[in-house]
Amino acid sequence: MARARQTLERRQLGLALRRIREESGKTQQAAAEAIGRVRSRIVELEDGKGTLSREDLVDLLDFYGISGDERETVLALGAQARKRQRGRTYTDLLPGAFQRFADLEASATEISSYECGMVPGLLQTPRYVRALINEGDGIWWDSSEAELEQRVAFRLDRQQRTLSTSTGKKMAFILTEESLRARVGDPGVMREQLAHLLALIDERDDLTIQILSPESYLNPARGGGFTLFEFAGQGSPVAFANVVYGPSTYFHDEADTATMFRVFQRLHELALSPQESRQLIDRIMKDG
C-alpha cells in the first residue's frame, strides 16, 4: 500500500472499509495481519490517506467475508482511489451511492444542510420516512414492499449512525416553510413530525433548525438543496448537491466548497432565528 494524499475517492474507500470492518467485528490489528501489513497502514487507509493494490484489497475483503455486489463495488472504489484524480467534482456512479453518502455523514464533525420542500433525512420520524418513500414506490422503482422496507430501514439506520455519535458533532439545518406545510402522509404524520422537530430543538445543544420564509428576498439557493460536511481538519470539506434523479455529485475543490459555504451563510442570515423558527414550527403544528 502506498501513502497518498487524501482525495474524495480515497476517503470514500476508507469509510466503506471502516464500516465493513466494524460490521464484521474485526480489529485494525487483525486486518493488518491478514494482509501482512502494520496497523498504521490500515489506519491510513481508513482515514482516506492511503491506497491498496487490488491483490491486497481482495485479501482484505476475503478476511471480512465480503462477497457479491458489495465486494465488486468496493473493488471498483479501490480502482478509483488508485488513480490520479482530476476535476472539481466527483460523481458517484457505483451501486449503493446512498451508503457512501451515509458514511460521509456519519464521519463528519459538522453538517450544514439546506432543504426545500421536505424535512431533511436526519430529522425525519419513522412514519414520515415511510410516507415520503411510499410516494416514490412504483414510480422511481418497481413497486415492492421489500424495497420499501429496505429504504425505510436504511434511512433509520443512517439517523442512528449520525445522531447517536458521541464525537460532538455540530449540525445546522435550514428548511423552507414549505417543508413544514407539505402534506406528507396524513395530517397525523405531519403533526408528529413537527413535534419531533420541536423535541430535537429542545433536547439537543448540538443541533439548530432555522426556517426560511417564502417571503425571503434574494434567496441564492431557491429551488435547490445541498449539504456541507466538515471534518475538524482531518480532510477538506465536501459538499453534496441534492438531485431528484441521477448520480450523486460531490464538490471537493476549495473554490466550490467556499462558494457553497457563502450560500449557506446567506441563507442563515435570511432565515428566521432559531427561537423564531421554533415558534413558527409550534404555531403550524397547532394550526394543523
Protein backbone atom coordinates (compact mmCIF):
# COMPACT_ATOMS: atom_id res chain seq x y z
CA MET A 1 0.00 0.00 0.00
CA ALA A 2 1.30 3.44 -0.92
CA ARG A 3 0.93 6.53 1.19
CA ALA A 4 -1.13 9.07 -0.74
CA ARG A 5 -2.77 12.42 -0.27
CA GLN A 6 -6.38 12.35 0.76
CA THR A 7 -8.89 12.60 -2.09
CA LEU A 8 -12.64 12.16 -2.00
CA GLU A 9 -12.30 8.82 -3.78
CA ARG A 10 -9.81 7.57 -1.16
CA ARG A 11 -11.96 8.93 1.63
CA GLN A 12 -14.99 7.05 0.26
CA LEU A 13 -12.97 3.82 0.04
CA GLY A 14 -11.60 4.27 3.55
CA LEU A 15 -15.00 4.97 5.09
CA ALA A 16 -16.53 1.96 3.33
CA LEU A 17 -13.74 -0.31 4.57
CA ARG A 18 -14.01 1.02 8.12
CA ARG A 19 -17.76 0.36 8.17
CA ILE A 20 -17.28 -3.14 6.74
CA ARG A 21 -14.54 -3.95 9.23
CA GLU A 22 -16.61 -2.77 12.18
CA GLU A 23 -19.67 -4.69 10.95
CA SER A 24 -17.52 -7.84 10.66
CA GLY A 25 -16.27 -7.41 14.22
CA LYS A 26 -12.60 -7.31 13.19
CA THR A 27 -9.90 -5.05 14.66
CA GLN A 28 -7.50 -2.89 12.68
CA GLN A 29 -4.63 -5.01 14.02
CA ALA A 30 -6.23 -8.24 12.82
CA ALA A 31 -6.96 -6.68 9.41
CA ALA A 32 -3.34 -5.57 9.08
CA GLU A 33 -2.05 -9.03 9.95
CA ALA A 34 -4.42 -10.63 7.45
CA ILE A 35 -2.72 -8.81 4.58
CA GLY A 36 0.78 -8.74 6.03
CA ARG A 37 0.85 -5.04 6.90
CA VAL A 38 1.32 -2.98 10.04
CA ARG A 39 -1.71 -1.48 11.78
CA SER A 40 -0.75 2.09 10.79
CA ARG A 41 -1.36 1.15 7.17
CA ILE A 42 -4.96 0.19 7.91
CA VAL A 43 -5.39 3.43 9.87
CA GLU A 44 -4.11 5.45 6.88
CA LEU A 45 -6.35 3.50 4.53
CA GLU A 46 -9.48 4.07 6.63
CA ASP A 47 -8.59 7.77 7.01
CA GLY A 48 -8.51 8.14 3.22
CA LYS A 49 -4.77 8.75 3.17
CA GLY A 50 -3.67 5.50 1.57
CA THR A 51 -4.45 3.04 -1.18
CA LEU A 52 -4.30 -0.73 -1.56
CA SER A 53 -3.29 -2.82 -4.53
CA ARG A 54 -6.13 -4.87 -5.97
CA GLU A 55 -4.50 -8.04 -4.62
CA ASP A 56 -4.31 -6.69 -1.06
CA LEU A 57 -7.87 -5.35 -1.27
CA VAL A 58 -9.11 -8.77 -2.43
CA ASP A 59 -7.36 -10.40 0.55
CA LEU A 60 -8.83 -7.83 2.93
CA LEU A 61 -12.36 -8.38 1.62
CA ASP A 62 -11.85 -12.14 1.93
CA PHE A 63 -10.87 -11.60 5.57
CA TYR A 64 -14.02 -9.54 6.15
CA GLY A 65 -16.17 -12.15 4.40
CA ILE A 66 -17.47 -9.72 1.77
CA SER A 67 -18.86 -11.10 -1.50
CA GLY A 68 -21.35 -10.29 -4.23
CA ASP A 69 -22.30 -6.78 -5.29
CA GLU A 70 -20.76 -5.13 -2.23
CA ARG A 71 -17.41 -6.75 -2.98
CA GLU A 72 -17.45 -5.60 -6.61
CA THR A 73 -18.39 -2.06 -5.55
CA VAL A 74 -15.51 -1.84 -3.06
CA LEU A 75 -13.07 -3.19 -5.66
CA ALA A 76 -14.30 -0.50 -8.07
CA LEU A 77 -13.82 2.13 -5.34
CA GLY A 78 -10.30 0.81 -4.88
CA ALA A 79 -9.58 1.23 -8.59
CA GLN A 80 -10.80 4.84 -8.43
CA ALA A 81 -8.73 5.53 -5.32
CA ARG A 82 -5.53 4.37 -7.06
CA LYS A 83 -5.97 6.78 -9.96
CA ARG A 84 -4.57 10.29 -10.14
CA GLN A 85 -7.85 12.17 -10.00
CA ARG A 86 -8.52 15.43 -11.78
CA GLY A 87 -11.54 17.70 -11.82
CA ARG A 88 -13.50 19.70 -9.31
CA THR A 89 -16.38 17.27 -8.83
CA TYR A 90 -16.76 13.61 -8.00
CA THR A 91 -19.74 11.77 -9.46
CA ASP A 92 -20.57 8.53 -7.69
CA LEU A 93 -21.83 6.16 -10.37
CA LEU A 94 -21.33 2.94 -8.40
CA PRO A 95 -24.13 0.92 -6.76
CA GLY A 96 -25.06 1.84 -3.20
CA ALA A 97 -24.29 5.55 -3.55
CA PHE A 98 -26.56 6.42 -0.62
CA GLN A 99 -24.47 4.18 1.64
CA ARG A 100 -21.35 6.20 0.86
CA PHE A 101 -23.28 9.43 1.49
CA ALA A 102 -24.23 8.00 4.89
CA ASP A 103 -20.59 7.10 5.55
CA LEU A 104 -19.53 10.70 4.92
CA GLU A 105 -22.40 11.99 7.02
CA ALA A 106 -21.55 9.76 9.97
CA SER A 107 -17.84 10.69 9.85
CA ALA A 108 -18.35 14.47 9.59
CA THR A 109 -17.83 16.65 12.66
CA GLU A 110 -20.02 19.44 11.26
CA ILE A 111 -23.04 19.19 8.96
CA SER A 112 -24.71 22.21 7.36
CA SER A 113 -27.83 21.36 5.37
CA TYR A 114 -30.35 23.36 3.34
CA GLU A 115 -33.53 21.64 2.19
CA CYS A 116 -36.60 22.94 0.40
CA GLY A 117 -39.90 21.12 0.19
CA MET A 118 -39.30 18.41 2.78
CA VAL A 119 -37.76 17.74 6.18
CA PRO A 120 -34.11 16.60 5.91
CA GLY A 121 -33.50 12.88 6.27
CA LEU A 122 -31.70 13.12 9.61
CA LEU A 123 -34.69 14.86 11.18
CA GLN A 124 -37.49 12.63 9.87
CA THR A 125 -39.72 10.48 12.07
CA PRO A 126 -40.23 6.80 11.11
CA ARG A 127 -43.80 7.49 9.92
CA TYR A 128 -42.66 10.48 7.86
CA VAL A 129 -39.86 8.38 6.35
CA ARG A 130 -42.32 5.68 5.36
CA ALA A 131 -44.85 8.14 3.91
CA LEU A 132 -42.17 10.00 1.97
CA ILE A 133 -40.60 6.87 0.50
CA ASN A 134 -44.05 5.46 -0.28
CA GLU A 135 -44.64 8.48 -2.55
CA GLY A 136 -41.95 7.16 -4.91
CA ASP A 137 -42.89 3.48 -4.73
CA GLY A 138 -43.82 2.18 -8.15
CA ILE A 139 -42.60 5.39 -9.80
CA TRP A 140 -38.86 5.77 -9.16
CA TRP A 141 -38.54 1.99 -8.71
CA ASP A 142 -40.79 -1.02 -9.27
CA SER A 143 -43.44 -1.28 -6.57
CA SER A 144 -42.10 -3.62 -3.93
CA GLU A 145 -42.83 -3.99 -0.22
CA ALA A 146 -39.33 -5.38 0.29
CA GLU A 147 -37.79 -2.37 -1.47
CA LEU A 148 -39.90 0.00 0.63
CA GLU A 149 -38.88 -1.69 3.89
CA GLN A 150 -35.22 -1.71 2.87
CA ARG A 151 -35.26 2.01 2.14
CA VAL A 152 -37.04 2.82 5.40
CA ALA A 153 -34.58 0.69 7.39
CA PHE A 154 -31.62 2.35 5.72
CA ARG A 155 -32.91 5.86 6.50
CA LEU A 156 -33.45 4.99 10.16
CA ASP A 157 -30.04 3.31 10.41
CA ARG A 158 -28.48 6.40 8.87
CA GLN A 159 -30.07 8.54 11.60
CA GLN A 160 -28.81 6.18 14.29
CA ARG A 161 -25.24 6.27 12.99
CA THR A 162 -25.12 10.06 12.79
CA LEU A 163 -27.29 11.29 15.65
CA SER A 164 -26.11 8.83 18.29
CA THR A 165 -22.42 9.65 17.87
CA SER A 166 -20.54 10.85 20.92
CA THR A 167 -17.94 12.84 18.99
CA GLY A 168 -19.61 16.22 19.50
CA LYS A 169 -20.98 16.59 16.00
CA LYS A 170 -22.39 20.05 15.21
CA MET A 171 -25.43 20.21 12.92
CA ALA A 172 -27.22 23.19 11.37
CA PHE A 173 -30.36 22.78 9.28
CA ILE A 174 -32.19 25.41 7.26
CA LEU A 175 -35.64 24.40 5.96
CA THR A 176 -38.12 26.27 3.84
CA GLU A 177 -41.51 26.94 5.43
CA GLU A 178 -42.98 24.82 2.63
CA SER A 179 -41.22 21.82 4.23
CA LEU A 180 -43.36 22.28 7.33
CA ARG A 181 -46.65 22.73 5.48
CA ALA A 182 -46.28 20.00 2.84
CA ARG A 183 -48.72 17.11 3.29
CA VAL A 184 -46.53 14.03 3.57
CA GLY A 185 -48.80 11.18 4.63
CA ASP A 186 -51.88 12.12 6.64
CA PRO A 187 -52.16 15.15 8.95
CA GLY A 188 -51.19 12.99 11.92
CA VAL A 189 -47.85 12.19 10.28
CA MET A 190 -47.10 15.88 9.87
CA ARG A 191 -48.14 16.79 13.43
CA GLU A 192 -45.87 14.07 14.74
CA GLN A 193 -43.05 15.26 12.51
CA LEU A 194 -43.37 18.87 13.67
CA ALA A 195 -43.46 17.73 17.29
CA HIS A 196 -40.28 15.76 16.63
CA LEU A 197 -38.55 18.88 15.29
CA LEU A 198 -39.52 20.76 18.44
CA ALA A 199 -38.18 17.94 20.61
CA LEU A 200 -34.87 17.94 18.75
CA ILE A 201 -34.55 21.70 19.21
CA ASP A 202 -35.27 21.43 22.93
CA GLU A 203 -33.15 18.37 23.65
CA ARG A 204 -30.01 18.80 21.53
CA ASP A 205 -27.47 21.56 22.03
CA ASP A 206 -25.51 20.32 19.01
CA LEU A 207 -28.37 20.94 16.56
CA THR A 208 -30.04 24.11 15.26
CA ILE A 209 -33.03 24.46 12.96
CA GLN A 210 -33.92 27.64 11.11
CA ILE A 211 -36.91 28.24 8.84
CA LEU A 212 -36.74 30.24 5.64
CA SER A 213 -39.94 32.16 4.95
CA PRO A 214 -41.39 32.19 1.40
CA GLU A 215 -41.25 35.99 1.66
CA SER A 216 -37.46 35.90 1.95
CA TYR A 217 -35.88 38.13 -0.66
CA LEU A 218 -32.74 37.28 -2.67
CA ASN A 219 -32.54 33.58 -1.80
CA PRO A 220 -29.42 32.39 -3.67
CA ALA A 221 -30.45 28.71 -3.43
CA ARG A 222 -34.09 28.96 -4.44
CA GLY A 223 -35.35 25.60 -5.70
CA GLY A 224 -32.25 23.69 -4.68
CA GLY A 225 -30.77 21.87 -1.73
CA PHE A 226 -27.31 20.89 -0.56
CA THR A 227 -25.29 19.57 2.37
CA LEU A 228 -21.83 20.59 3.57
CA PHE A 229 -19.59 18.23 5.53
CA GLU A 230 -16.61 19.32 7.62
CA PHE A 231 -14.09 17.05 9.34
CA ALA A 232 -12.29 19.13 12.01
CA GLY A 233 -9.13 19.46 9.97
CA GLN A 234 -8.98 15.73 9.16
CA GLY A 235 -9.62 16.41 5.49
CA SER A 236 -11.06 19.10 3.26
CA PRO A 237 -14.77 19.97 3.39
CA VAL A 238 -17.09 18.19 0.98
CA ALA A 239 -20.35 19.48 -0.49
CA PHE A 240 -23.21 17.36 -1.81
CA ALA A 241 -25.81 18.78 -4.20
CA ASN A 242 -29.30 17.25 -3.90
CA VAL A 243 -30.84 15.79 -7.05
CA VAL A 244 -34.27 14.27 -7.60
CA TYR A 245 -32.89 11.68 -10.01
CA GLY A 246 -29.47 10.76 -11.27
CA PRO A 247 -25.98 10.13 -9.86
CA SER A 248 -24.70 11.61 -6.62
CA THR A 249 -22.41 14.59 -7.24
CA TYR A 250 -19.89 15.89 -4.71
CA PHE A 251 -17.81 19.05 -4.74
CA HIS A 252 -14.43 18.93 -3.01
CA ASP A 253 -12.47 21.70 -4.69
CA GLU A 254 -11.89 24.62 -2.32
CA ALA A 255 -13.32 27.14 -4.78
CA ASP A 256 -16.60 25.23 -4.94
CA THR A 257 -16.98 24.47 -1.24
CA ALA A 258 -16.11 28.08 -0.34
CA THR A 259 -18.92 29.24 -2.64
CA MET A 260 -21.41 26.88 -1.03
CA PHE A 261 -20.38 27.98 2.45
CA ARG A 262 -21.09 31.57 1.37
CA VAL A 263 -24.52 30.50 0.15
CA PHE A 264 -25.26 28.75 3.45
CA GLN A 265 -24.15 31.82 5.39
CA ARG A 266 -26.50 33.96 3.30
CA LEU A 267 -29.38 31.54 3.98
CA HIS A 268 -28.54 31.67 7.68
CA GLU A 269 -28.86 35.46 7.58
CA LEU A 270 -32.16 35.34 5.65
CA ALA A 271 -33.82 32.68 7.79
CA LEU A 272 -35.74 33.23 10.99
CA SER A 273 -33.67 32.98 14.16
CA PRO A 274 -33.68 29.59 15.92
CA GLN A 275 -36.14 30.91 18.52
CA GLU A 276 -38.45 32.45 15.90
CA SER A 277 -38.20 29.22 13.91
CA ARG A 278 -39.25 27.19 16.93
CA GLN A 279 -42.25 29.44 17.44
CA LEU A 280 -43.27 29.06 13.79
CA ILE A 281 -42.99 25.26 13.92
CA ASP A 282 -45.11 25.22 17.09
CA ARG A 283 -47.73 27.50 15.52
CA ILE A 284 -48.01 25.44 12.33
CA MET A 285 -48.32 22.23 14.38
CA LYS A 286 -51.13 23.67 16.49
CA ASP A 287 -52.93 25.18 13.48
CA GLY A 288 -52.70 21.90 11.58
